[in-house]
Amino acid sequence: MLKFLILILLIAAVWYGWRYVNRKPVKKPSGDAPPTARPQAPKTIAEDLKPCPVCGTYMVVDPNKLPDQTCGRPDCRPV
């Protein structure tokens, strides 16, 4: 039983020693430097989509065109 306990303590010592040696250095902020701002995430631009009345393919809604516009493919023409 004592050998098992010593083995566990030895493994724990090696494990924590390895973690101590390979730790990443922590940079301390200096008093003169202003805190750095986090970069802003890009704003997502969303567009409304609607299905083509002929083929069902979704397309961008264009408010300047007629409401029954098709997707613009040559094989997709309103009947």
N, C-alpha and C. Protein backbone atom coordinates (compact mmCIF):
# COMPACT_ATOMS: atom_id res chain seq x y z
N MET A 1 0.82 -1.19 0.00
CA MET A 1 0.00 0.00 0.00
C MET A 1 0.87 1.27 0.00
N LEU A 2 1.97 1.22 0.69
CA LEU A 2 2.86 2.37 0.76
C LEU A 2 3.49 2.66 -0.60
N LYS A 3 3.80 1.61 -1.35
CA LYS A 3 4.37 1.80 -2.68
C LYS A 3 3.36 2.48 -3.62
N PHE A 4 2.09 2.11 -3.49
CA PHE A 4 1.04 2.71 -4.30
C PHE A 4 0.89 4.20 -3.98
N LEU A 5 0.94 4.55 -2.70
CA LEU A 5 0.83 5.94 -2.28
C LEU A 5 2.03 6.76 -2.77
N ILE A 6 3.22 6.20 -2.69
CA ILE A 6 4.41 6.90 -3.17
C ILE A 6 4.35 7.09 -4.68
N LEU A 7 3.84 6.07 -5.40
CA LEU A 7 3.70 6.19 -6.85
C LEU A 7 2.73 7.32 -7.21
N ILE A 8 1.63 7.41 -6.52
CA ILE A 8 0.65 8.48 -6.78
C ILE A 8 1.27 9.85 -6.49
N LEU A 9 2.00 9.98 -5.38
CA LEU A 9 2.64 11.25 -5.05
C LEU A 9 3.72 11.61 -6.08
N LEU A 10 4.44 10.63 -6.57
CA LEU A 10 5.46 10.88 -7.58
C LEU A 10 4.83 11.34 -8.89
N ILE A 11 3.76 10.70 -9.30
CA ILE A 11 3.06 11.10 -10.53
C ILE A 11 2.51 12.52 -10.39
N ALA A 12 1.92 12.82 -9.22
CA ALA A 12 1.38 14.17 -9.00
C ALA A 12 2.49 15.22 -9.02
N ALA A 13 3.64 14.90 -8.42
CA ALA A 13 4.75 15.85 -8.41
C ALA A 13 5.27 16.10 -9.81
N VAL A 14 5.39 15.05 -10.61
CA VAL A 14 5.84 15.22 -12.00
C VAL A 14 4.82 16.02 -12.79
N TRP A 15 3.53 15.74 -12.61
CA TRP A 15 2.47 16.45 -13.34
C TRP A 15 2.49 17.95 -13.02
N TYR A 16 2.50 18.29 -11.72
CA TYR A 16 2.49 19.71 -11.36
C TYR A 16 3.81 20.39 -11.69
N GLY A 17 4.91 19.67 -11.64
CA GLY A 17 6.19 20.23 -12.06
C GLY A 17 6.20 20.54 -13.55
N TRP A 18 5.64 19.65 -14.36
CA TRP A 18 5.55 19.86 -15.81
C TRP A 18 4.68 21.08 -16.12
N ARG A 19 3.57 21.20 -15.42
CA ARG A 19 2.70 22.35 -15.63
C ARG A 19 3.39 23.65 -15.21
N TYR A 20 4.17 23.63 -14.16
CA TYR A 20 4.87 24.82 -13.68
C TYR A 20 5.94 25.26 -14.68
N VAL A 21 6.66 24.31 -15.23
CA VAL A 21 7.73 24.63 -16.16
C VAL A 21 7.16 25.17 -17.48
N ASN A 22 6.05 24.64 -17.93
CA ASN A 22 5.49 25.01 -19.24
C ASN A 22 4.38 26.05 -19.16
N ARG A 23 4.27 26.76 -18.06
CA ARG A 23 3.22 27.78 -17.97
C ARG A 23 3.55 28.97 -18.87
N LYS A 24 2.50 29.67 -19.30
CA LYS A 24 2.68 30.84 -20.16
C LYS A 24 2.94 32.06 -19.29
N PRO A 25 3.86 32.92 -19.71
CA PRO A 25 4.12 34.13 -18.92
C PRO A 25 2.93 35.08 -18.99
N VAL A 26 2.64 35.71 -17.88
CA VAL A 26 1.55 36.67 -17.79
C VAL A 26 2.13 38.07 -17.90
N LYS A 27 1.62 38.85 -18.84
CA LYS A 27 2.08 40.23 -19.00
C LYS A 27 1.34 41.12 -18.02
N LYS A 28 2.10 41.90 -17.28
CA LYS A 28 1.49 42.83 -16.35
C LYS A 28 1.32 44.17 -17.05
N PRO A 29 0.15 44.79 -16.93
CA PRO A 29 -0.05 46.09 -17.57
C PRO A 29 0.79 47.16 -16.87
N SER A 30 1.41 47.98 -17.66
CA SER A 30 2.20 49.07 -17.09
C SER A 30 1.27 50.24 -16.77
N GLY A 31 1.68 51.08 -15.85
CA GLY A 31 0.84 52.19 -15.43
C GLY A 31 0.71 53.29 -16.47
N ASP A 32 1.67 53.39 -17.41
CA ASP A 32 1.66 54.46 -18.39
C ASP A 32 0.83 54.14 -19.62
N ALA A 33 0.71 52.88 -19.96
CA ALA A 33 0.02 52.49 -21.20
C ALA A 33 -1.49 52.46 -20.97
N PRO A 34 -2.25 53.03 -21.91
CA PRO A 34 -3.71 52.96 -21.77
C PRO A 34 -4.19 51.54 -22.04
N PRO A 35 -5.30 51.16 -21.46
CA PRO A 35 -5.79 49.80 -21.71
C PRO A 35 -6.19 49.66 -23.18
N THR A 36 -5.89 48.51 -23.74
CA THR A 36 -6.20 48.29 -25.15
C THR A 36 -7.68 47.94 -25.30
N ALA A 37 -8.28 48.48 -26.33
CA ALA A 37 -9.69 48.23 -26.60
C ALA A 37 -9.83 46.91 -27.35
N ARG A 38 -10.87 46.20 -27.06
CA ARG A 38 -11.12 44.95 -27.76
C ARG A 38 -11.60 45.27 -29.17
N PRO A 39 -11.16 44.48 -30.15
CA PRO A 39 -11.63 44.74 -31.51
C PRO A 39 -13.13 44.46 -31.63
N GLN A 40 -13.79 45.31 -32.36
CA GLN A 40 -15.23 45.18 -32.55
C GLN A 40 -15.52 44.06 -33.54
N ALA A 41 -16.54 43.30 -33.27
CA ALA A 41 -16.96 42.25 -34.20
C ALA A 41 -17.61 42.92 -35.41
N PRO A 42 -17.39 42.38 -36.60
CA PRO A 42 -18.01 42.99 -37.77
C PRO A 42 -19.53 42.89 -37.68
N LYS A 43 -20.18 43.96 -38.11
CA LYS A 43 -21.64 43.98 -38.06
C LYS A 43 -22.19 43.10 -39.17
N THR A 44 -23.17 42.31 -38.83
CA THR A 44 -23.79 41.42 -39.80
C THR A 44 -24.82 42.20 -40.61
N ILE A 45 -24.70 42.10 -41.91
CA ILE A 45 -25.66 42.76 -42.79
C ILE A 45 -26.62 41.68 -43.28
N ALA A 46 -27.87 41.84 -42.97
CA ALA A 46 -28.88 40.86 -43.36
C ALA A 46 -29.78 41.47 -44.43
N GLU A 47 -30.14 40.66 -45.38
CA GLU A 47 -31.05 41.10 -46.43
C GLU A 47 -32.27 40.21 -46.43
N ASP A 48 -33.41 40.78 -46.76
CA ASP A 48 -34.63 40.00 -46.85
C ASP A 48 -34.61 39.15 -48.11
N LEU A 49 -35.08 37.92 -47.98
CA LEU A 49 -35.17 37.01 -49.12
C LEU A 49 -36.62 36.61 -49.32
N LYS A 50 -36.96 36.32 -50.57
CA LYS A 50 -38.29 35.80 -50.86
C LYS A 50 -38.14 34.76 -51.96
N PRO A 51 -39.03 33.78 -52.00
CA PRO A 51 -38.92 32.75 -53.04
C PRO A 51 -39.39 33.27 -54.39
N CYS A 52 -38.76 32.80 -55.45
CA CYS A 52 -39.18 33.13 -56.81
C CYS A 52 -40.54 32.49 -57.04
N PRO A 53 -41.51 33.21 -57.60
CA PRO A 53 -42.84 32.63 -57.79
C PRO A 53 -42.86 31.51 -58.82
N VAL A 54 -41.83 31.39 -59.65
CA VAL A 54 -41.83 30.36 -60.68
C VAL A 54 -41.08 29.11 -60.22
N CYS A 55 -39.81 29.27 -59.81
CA CYS A 55 -39.00 28.10 -59.49
C CYS A 55 -38.80 27.87 -57.99
N GLY A 56 -39.10 28.86 -57.15
CA GLY A 56 -38.97 28.69 -55.71
C GLY A 56 -37.59 29.01 -55.15
N THR A 57 -36.64 29.40 -55.98
CA THR A 57 -35.31 29.77 -55.52
C THR A 57 -35.40 31.09 -54.75
N TYR A 58 -34.72 31.16 -53.60
CA TYR A 58 -34.77 32.39 -52.81
C TYR A 58 -33.85 33.43 -53.42
N MET A 59 -34.33 34.68 -53.42
CA MET A 59 -33.59 35.80 -53.99
C MET A 59 -33.76 37.01 -53.09
N VAL A 60 -32.89 38.01 -53.29
CA VAL A 60 -32.93 39.23 -52.50
C VAL A 60 -34.13 40.06 -52.93
N VAL A 61 -34.84 40.60 -51.96
CA VAL A 61 -36.00 41.45 -52.24
C VAL A 61 -35.50 42.81 -52.69
N ASP A 62 -35.91 43.25 -53.87
CA ASP A 62 -35.53 44.56 -54.39
C ASP A 62 -36.77 45.43 -54.38
N PRO A 63 -36.80 46.46 -53.52
CA PRO A 63 -38.01 47.29 -53.43
C PRO A 63 -38.26 48.13 -54.68
N ASN A 64 -37.28 48.27 -55.57
CA ASN A 64 -37.46 49.08 -56.77
C ASN A 64 -38.10 48.30 -57.92
N LYS A 65 -38.21 46.98 -57.79
CA LYS A 65 -38.79 46.17 -58.85
C LYS A 65 -40.21 45.75 -58.48
N LEU A 66 -40.89 45.20 -59.43
CA LEU A 66 -42.25 44.74 -59.19
C LEU A 66 -42.26 43.61 -58.16
N PRO A 67 -43.37 43.43 -57.44
CA PRO A 67 -43.41 42.39 -56.41
C PRO A 67 -43.35 40.97 -56.98
N ASP A 68 -43.66 40.78 -58.27
CA ASP A 68 -43.64 39.43 -58.84
C ASP A 68 -42.37 39.19 -59.65
N GLN A 69 -41.25 39.75 -59.22
CA GLN A 69 -39.99 39.59 -59.95
C GLN A 69 -39.52 38.14 -59.86
N THR A 70 -38.83 37.67 -60.88
CA THR A 70 -38.27 36.32 -60.87
C THR A 70 -36.81 36.38 -60.49
N CYS A 71 -36.19 35.23 -60.38
CA CYS A 71 -34.81 35.17 -59.90
C CYS A 71 -33.81 35.64 -60.96
N GLY A 72 -34.18 35.77 -62.22
CA GLY A 72 -33.31 36.31 -63.24
C GLY A 72 -32.58 35.26 -64.05
N ARG A 73 -32.78 33.99 -63.75
CA ARG A 73 -32.14 32.95 -64.56
C ARG A 73 -32.84 32.90 -65.91
N PRO A 74 -32.09 32.56 -66.99
CA PRO A 74 -32.71 32.55 -68.32
C PRO A 74 -33.80 31.48 -68.47
N ASP A 75 -33.70 30.39 -67.74
CA ASP A 75 -34.70 29.32 -67.86
C ASP A 75 -35.90 29.53 -66.94
N CYS A 76 -35.90 30.60 -66.17
CA CYS A 76 -36.99 30.87 -65.22
C CYS A 76 -37.74 32.11 -65.70
N ARG A 77 -38.84 31.88 -66.34
CA ARG A 77 -39.68 32.98 -66.83
C ARG A 77 -41.09 32.79 -66.31
N PRO A 78 -41.74 33.88 -65.93
CA PRO A 78 -43.13 33.74 -65.46
C PRO A 78 -44.04 33.27 -66.59
N VAL A 79 -45.00 32.48 -66.23
CA VAL A 79 -45.93 31.94 -67.23
C VAL A 79 -47.03 32.93 -67.53
